[in-house]
Amino acid sequence: MKKILFFLLCFLILMIWDLQNRISAQNQTEMEKEEAKKGRVTGIGGIFFKSKDPEKSRQWYNKNLGLVTNEYGSLFEFRTGADPDKIGYLQWSPFPENTKYFDPSTKEFMINYRVENIEALVEDLKSNGVNVLDTVETYDYGKFVHIMDHENNKIELWEPVDSTFTDTNEGKTTK
């Protein structure tokens, strides 16, 4: 009789442990789904800087550092960490030193961050009192919005459509 009770007790403990693990896994999945709804930065999308002569800068970087350049700068190709089969891009661009694109920042550079769920991120930023400079604009290659950080650096947020670059650049990227 003691053996039967012992086995029943062990069986009951295993059933409770299994149920607890299932509930924990379900809660984790629900938390991950909720987290995915939030907007967040996923990486660097671009490096933009002022140049006295953007064309000369593009030529110099092409000749001396091997960047594959075009009229916009250089498009760097990389594989994403979450999905190594997925190709991502980073844009490197010299701008004329008198550009107004970085305004209202007075800095010589601007960073572009790759994001997911840009609309949710903008709502979170607004609720945190962040200065959102414009509305989300949509293009074939992604969605964009600009913000100012706490030191008055203009930041560009980009929710990319990487497949557009894969389709249009035919391997003419810096790898």
C-alpha atoms as a PDB file:
ATOM      1  CA  MET A   1       0.000   0.000   0.000  1.00  0.00           C
ATOM      2  CA  LYS A   2       2.849   2.415   0.813  1.00  0.00           C
ATOM      3  CA  LYS A   3       4.367   1.805  -2.629  1.00  0.00           C
ATOM      4  CA  ILE A   4       1.083   2.611  -4.350  1.00  0.00           C
ATOM      5  CA  LEU A   5       0.675   5.829  -2.335  1.00  0.00           C
ATOM      6  CA  PHE A   6       4.288   6.745  -3.050  1.00  0.00           C
ATOM      7  CA  PHE A   7       3.807   6.251  -6.818  1.00  0.00           C
ATOM      8  CA  LEU A   8       0.516   8.174  -6.777  1.00  0.00           C
ATOM      9  CA  LEU A   9       2.153  11.018  -4.887  1.00  0.00           C
ATOM     10  CA  CYS A  10       5.082  11.067  -7.347  1.00  0.00           C
ATOM     11  CA  PHE A  11       2.645  11.010 -10.254  1.00  0.00           C
ATOM     12  CA  LEU A  12       0.643  13.863  -8.749  1.00  0.00           C
ATOM     13  CA  ILE A  13       3.829  15.920  -8.172  1.00  0.00           C
ATOM     14  CA  LEU A  14       4.907  15.333 -11.788  1.00  0.00           C
ATOM     15  CA  MET A  15       1.468  16.385 -13.072  1.00  0.00           C
ATOM     16  CA  ILE A  16       1.539  19.584 -11.005  1.00  0.00           C
ATOM     17  CA  TRP A  17       5.113  20.320 -12.141  1.00  0.00           C
ATOM     18  CA  ASP A  18       4.137  19.776 -15.803  1.00  0.00           C
ATOM     19  CA  LEU A  19       1.094  22.043 -15.436  1.00  0.00           C
ATOM     20  CA  GLN A  20       3.202  24.740 -13.798  1.00  0.00           C
ATOM     21  CA  ASN A  21       5.742  24.571 -16.649  1.00  0.00           C
ATOM     22  CA  ARG A  22       2.982  24.839 -19.257  1.00  0.00           C
ATOM     23  CA  ILE A  23       1.460  27.857 -17.542  1.00  0.00           C
ATOM     24  CA  SER A  24       4.894  29.478 -17.228  1.00  0.00           C
ATOM     25  CA  ALA A  25       5.623  28.876 -20.939  1.00  0.00           C
ATOM     26  CA  GLN A  26       2.221  30.284 -21.894  1.00  0.00           C
ATOM     27  CA  ASN A  27       2.823  33.399 -19.774  1.00  0.00           C
ATOM     28  CA  GLN A  28       6.267  33.818 -21.354  1.00  0.00           C
ATOM     29  CA  THR A  29       4.763  33.571 -24.857  1.00  0.00           C
ATOM     30  CA  GLU A  30       2.087  36.128 -23.967  1.00  0.00           C
ATOM     31  CA  MET A  31       4.742  38.476 -22.564  1.00  0.00           C
ATOM     32  CA  GLU A  32       6.826  38.082 -25.750  1.00  0.00           C
ATOM     33  CA  LYS A  33       3.760  38.844 -27.894  1.00  0.00           C
ATOM     34  CA  GLU A  34       3.030  41.931 -25.792  1.00  0.00           C
ATOM     35  CA  GLU A  35       6.675  43.043 -26.037  1.00  0.00           C
ATOM     36  CA  ALA A  36       6.591  42.611 -29.843  1.00  0.00           C
ATOM     37  CA  LYS A  37       3.697  45.098 -30.017  1.00  0.00           C
ATOM     38  CA  LYS A  38       5.928  47.771 -28.513  1.00  0.00           C
ATOM     39  CA  GLY A  39       8.186  49.766 -30.773  1.00  0.00           C
ATOM     40  CA  ARG A  40      11.910  49.499 -30.256  1.00  0.00           C
ATOM     41  CA  VAL A  41      15.278  50.130 -31.854  1.00  0.00           C
ATOM     42  CA  THR A  42      16.793  47.060 -33.519  1.00  0.00           C
ATOM     43  CA  GLY A  43      20.080  48.523 -34.781  1.00  0.00           C
ATOM     44  CA  ILE A  44      21.807  51.302 -36.680  1.00  0.00           C
ATOM     45  CA  GLY A  45      20.175  52.194 -39.981  1.00  0.00           C
ATOM     46  CA  GLY A  46      22.380  55.026 -41.171  1.00  0.00           C
ATOM     47  CA  ILE A  47      25.237  57.363 -40.488  1.00  0.00           C
ATOM     48  CA  PHE A  48      24.870  60.821 -42.002  1.00  0.00           C
ATOM     49  CA  PHE A  49      27.429  63.600 -41.749  1.00  0.00           C
ATOM     50  CA  LYS A  50      28.128  67.022 -43.218  1.00  0.00           C
ATOM     51  CA  SER A  51      30.879  67.324 -45.811  1.00  0.00           C
ATOM     52  CA  LYS A  52      32.434  70.255 -47.661  1.00  0.00           C
ATOM     53  CA  ASP A  53      32.278  68.207 -50.868  1.00  0.00           C
ATOM     54  CA  PRO A  54      30.042  65.105 -50.641  1.00  0.00           C
ATOM     55  CA  GLU A  55      31.006  63.870 -54.132  1.00  0.00           C
ATOM     56  CA  LYS A  56      34.710  64.112 -53.325  1.00  0.00           C
ATOM     57  CA  SER A  57      34.072  62.334 -49.996  1.00  0.00           C
ATOM     58  CA  ARG A  58      32.254  59.481 -51.744  1.00  0.00           C
ATOM     59  CA  GLN A  59      35.123  59.163 -54.238  1.00  0.00           C
ATOM     60  CA  TRP A  60      37.758  59.225 -51.472  1.00  0.00           C
ATOM     61  CA  TYR A  61      36.002  56.537 -49.427  1.00  0.00           C
ATOM     62  CA  ASN A  62      35.527  54.429 -52.555  1.00  0.00           C
ATOM     63  CA  LYS A  63      39.166  54.703 -53.644  1.00  0.00           C
ATOM     64  CA  ASN A  64      40.839  54.452 -50.247  1.00  0.00           C
ATOM     65  CA  LEU A  65      38.503  52.327 -48.136  1.00  0.00           C
ATOM     66  CA  GLY A  66      36.723  50.291 -50.815  1.00  0.00           C
ATOM     67  CA  LEU A  67      33.196  51.497 -50.128  1.00  0.00           C
ATOM     68  CA  VAL A  68      30.819  50.783 -53.005  1.00  0.00           C
ATOM     69  CA  THR A  69      29.358  54.250 -53.541  1.00  0.00           C
ATOM     70  CA  ASN A  70      26.485  55.833 -55.434  1.00  0.00           C
ATOM     71  CA  GLU A  71      24.909  59.294 -55.447  1.00  0.00           C
ATOM     72  CA  TYR A  72      23.589  58.728 -51.898  1.00  0.00           C
ATOM     73  CA  GLY A  73      26.766  57.375 -50.313  1.00  0.00           C
ATOM     74  CA  SER A  74      27.222  53.678 -49.592  1.00  0.00           C
ATOM     75  CA  LEU A  75      24.723  50.994 -48.715  1.00  0.00           C
ATOM     76  CA  PHE A  76      26.198  48.449 -46.291  1.00  0.00           C
ATOM     77  CA  GLU A  77      24.707  44.959 -46.426  1.00  0.00           C
ATOM     78  CA  PHE A  78      24.597  42.701 -43.373  1.00  0.00           C
ATOM     79  CA  ARG A  79      22.804  39.653 -42.001  1.00  0.00           C
ATOM     80  CA  THR A  80      20.464  40.153 -39.078  1.00  0.00           C
ATOM     81  CA  GLY A  81      21.263  38.416 -35.802  1.00  0.00           C
ATOM     82  CA  ALA A  82      17.699  37.239 -35.209  1.00  0.00           C
ATOM     83  CA  ASP A  83      17.480  35.649 -38.672  1.00  0.00           C
ATOM     84  CA  PRO A  84      20.838  35.087 -40.441  1.00  0.00           C
ATOM     85  CA  ASP A  85      19.034  34.394 -43.734  1.00  0.00           C
ATOM     86  CA  LYS A  86      17.543  37.900 -43.682  1.00  0.00           C
ATOM     87  CA  ILE A  87      19.542  40.729 -45.253  1.00  0.00           C
ATOM     88  CA  GLY A  88      19.576  44.163 -43.618  1.00  0.00           C
ATOM     89  CA  TYR A  89      21.061  47.475 -44.767  1.00  0.00           C
ATOM     90  CA  LEU A  90      22.798  50.504 -43.284  1.00  0.00           C
ATOM     91  CA  GLN A  91      23.113  53.751 -45.270  1.00  0.00           C
ATOM     92  CA  TRP A  92      26.318  55.814 -45.018  1.00  0.00           C
ATOM     93  CA  SER A  93      25.856  59.306 -46.512  1.00  0.00           C
ATOM     94  CA  PRO A  94      27.853  62.516 -46.690  1.00  0.00           C
ATOM     95  CA  PHE A  95      25.576  65.571 -46.947  1.00  0.00           C
ATOM     96  CA  PRO A  96      26.455  69.091 -48.106  1.00  0.00           C
ATOM     97  CA  GLU A  97      27.677  71.149 -45.147  1.00  0.00           C
ATOM     98  CA  ASN A  98      24.841  73.643 -45.677  1.00  0.00           C
ATOM     99  CA  THR A  99      22.106  70.967 -45.556  1.00  0.00           C
ATOM    100  CA  LYS A 100      18.972  71.779 -43.608  1.00  0.00           C
ATOM    101  CA  TYR A 101      18.174  68.066 -43.222  1.00  0.00           C
ATOM    102  CA  PHE A 102      19.788  67.894 -39.770  1.00  0.00           C
ATOM    103  CA  ASP A 103      17.879  70.976 -38.514  1.00  0.00           C
ATOM    104  CA  PRO A 104      16.974  71.931 -35.851  1.00  0.00           C
ATOM    105  CA  SER A 105      20.132  70.215 -34.563  1.00  0.00           C
ATOM    106  CA  THR A 106      23.359  72.157 -35.024  1.00  0.00           C
ATOM    107  CA  LYS A 107      25.480  68.991 -35.022  1.00  0.00           C
ATOM    108  CA  GLU A 108      27.597  67.836 -37.964  1.00  0.00           C
ATOM    109  CA  PHE A 109      26.016  64.383 -37.980  1.00  0.00           C
ATOM    110  CA  MET A 110      22.778  62.478 -37.624  1.00  0.00           C
ATOM    111  CA  ILE A 111      22.242  58.837 -36.686  1.00  0.00           C
ATOM    112  CA  ASN A 112      19.447  56.755 -38.205  1.00  0.00           C
ATOM    113  CA  TYR A 113      18.163  53.887 -36.056  1.00  0.00           C
ATOM    114  CA  ARG A 114      16.408  50.818 -37.450  1.00  0.00           C
ATOM    115  CA  VAL A 115      13.177  50.220 -35.510  1.00  0.00           C
ATOM    116  CA  GLU A 116      10.242  47.880 -35.438  1.00  0.00           C
ATOM    117  CA  ASN A 117       6.660  49.028 -34.932  1.00  0.00           C
ATOM    118  CA  ILE A 118       7.429  52.714 -35.465  1.00  0.00           C
ATOM    119  CA  GLU A 119       3.881  53.892 -34.695  1.00  0.00           C
ATOM    120  CA  ALA A 120       3.900  52.306 -31.227  1.00  0.00           C
ATOM    121  CA  LEU A 121       7.389  53.663 -30.597  1.00  0.00           C
ATOM    122  CA  VAL A 122       6.292  57.198 -31.520  1.00  0.00           C
ATOM    123  CA  GLU A 123       3.355  56.944 -29.100  1.00  0.00           C
ATOM    124  CA  ASP A 124       5.709  55.786 -26.322  1.00  0.00           C
ATOM    125  CA  LEU A 125       8.148  58.606 -27.114  1.00  0.00           C
ATOM    126  CA  LYS A 126       5.387  61.211 -27.017  1.00  0.00           C
ATOM    127  CA  SER A 127       4.115  59.883 -23.679  1.00  0.00           C
ATOM    128  CA  ASN A 128       7.694  60.176 -22.364  1.00  0.00           C
ATOM    129  CA  GLY A 129       7.843  63.839 -23.405  1.00  0.00           C
ATOM    130  CA  VAL A 130      10.269  63.289 -26.307  1.00  0.00           C
ATOM    131  CA  ASN A 131      10.196  65.990 -29.006  1.00  0.00           C
ATOM    132  CA  VAL A 132       8.804  64.242 -32.103  1.00  0.00           C
ATOM    133  CA  LEU A 133       9.531  66.610 -35.000  1.00  0.00           C
ATOM    134  CA  ASP A 134       7.201  65.277 -37.669  1.00  0.00           C
ATOM    135  CA  THR A 135       4.696  62.564 -38.487  1.00  0.00           C
ATOM    136  CA  VAL A 136       5.541  59.085 -39.715  1.00  0.00           C
ATOM    137  CA  GLU A 137       6.106  59.143 -43.476  1.00  0.00           C
ATOM    138  CA  THR A 138       5.887  55.980 -45.569  1.00  0.00           C
ATOM    139  CA  TYR A 139       7.956  55.175 -48.665  1.00  0.00           C
ATOM    140  CA  ASP A 140       8.606  51.993 -50.648  1.00  0.00           C
ATOM    141  CA  TYR A 141      11.732  51.382 -48.565  1.00  0.00           C
ATOM    142  CA  GLY A 142      10.239  52.029 -45.130  1.00  0.00           C
ATOM    143  CA  LYS A 143       8.673  54.398 -42.631  1.00  0.00           C
ATOM    144  CA  PHE A 144      10.474  57.401 -41.146  1.00  0.00           C
ATOM    145  CA  VAL A 145      10.081  59.906 -38.339  1.00  0.00           C
ATOM    146  CA  HIS A 146      12.492  62.357 -36.682  1.00  0.00           C
ATOM    147  CA  ILE A 147      12.988  63.106 -33.003  1.00  0.00           C
ATOM    148  CA  MET A 148      15.350  65.165 -30.849  1.00  0.00           C
ATOM    149  CA  ASP A 149      17.289  63.548 -28.023  1.00  0.00           C
ATOM    150  CA  HIS A 150      18.012  65.193 -24.663  1.00  0.00           C
ATOM    151  CA  GLU A 151      21.149  66.915 -26.095  1.00  0.00           C
ATOM    152  CA  ASN A 152      19.338  68.288 -29.162  1.00  0.00           C
ATOM    153  CA  ASN A 153      20.730  65.718 -31.585  1.00  0.00           C
ATOM    154  CA  LYS A 154      18.289  65.052 -34.386  1.00  0.00           C
ATOM    155  CA  ILE A 155      17.650  61.329 -34.742  1.00  0.00           C
ATOM    156  CA  GLU A 156      16.009  59.591 -37.665  1.00  0.00           C
ATOM    157  CA  LEU A 157      13.951  56.487 -36.896  1.00  0.00           C
ATOM    158  CA  TRP A 158      13.425  54.039 -39.768  1.00  0.00           C
ATOM    159  CA  GLU A 159      11.249  50.963 -40.004  1.00  0.00           C
ATOM    160  CA  PRO A 160      12.902  49.442 -43.072  1.00  0.00           C
ATOM    161  CA  VAL A 161      11.577  47.386 -45.944  1.00  0.00           C
ATOM    162  CA  ASP A 162      14.931  45.736 -46.682  1.00  0.00           C
ATOM    163  CA  SER A 163      13.635  43.709 -49.623  1.00  0.00           C
ATOM    164  CA  THR A 164      13.347  46.946 -51.631  1.00  0.00           C
ATOM    165  CA  PHE A 165      17.127  47.426 -51.422  1.00  0.00           C
ATOM    166  CA  THR A 166      17.797  43.779 -52.201  1.00  0.00           C
ATOM    167  CA  ASP A 167      15.639  44.061 -55.322  1.00  0.00           C
ATOM    168  CA  THR A 168      16.982  47.408 -56.582  1.00  0.00           C
ATOM    169  CA  ASN A 169      20.715  47.339 -55.801  1.00  0.00           C
ATOM    170  CA  GLU A 170      21.606  44.059 -57.512  1.00  0.00           C
ATOM    171  CA  GLY A 171      24.534  43.347 -55.214  1.00  0.00           C
ATOM    172  CA  LYS A 172      26.041  46.846 -55.519  1.00  0.00           C
ATOM    173  CA  THR A 173      26.531  47.207 -51.785  1.00  0.00           C
ATOM    174  CA  THR A 174      29.431  47.387 -49.373  1.00  0.00           C
ATOM    175  CA  LYS A 175      29.794  44.000 -47.673  1.00  0.00           C
END
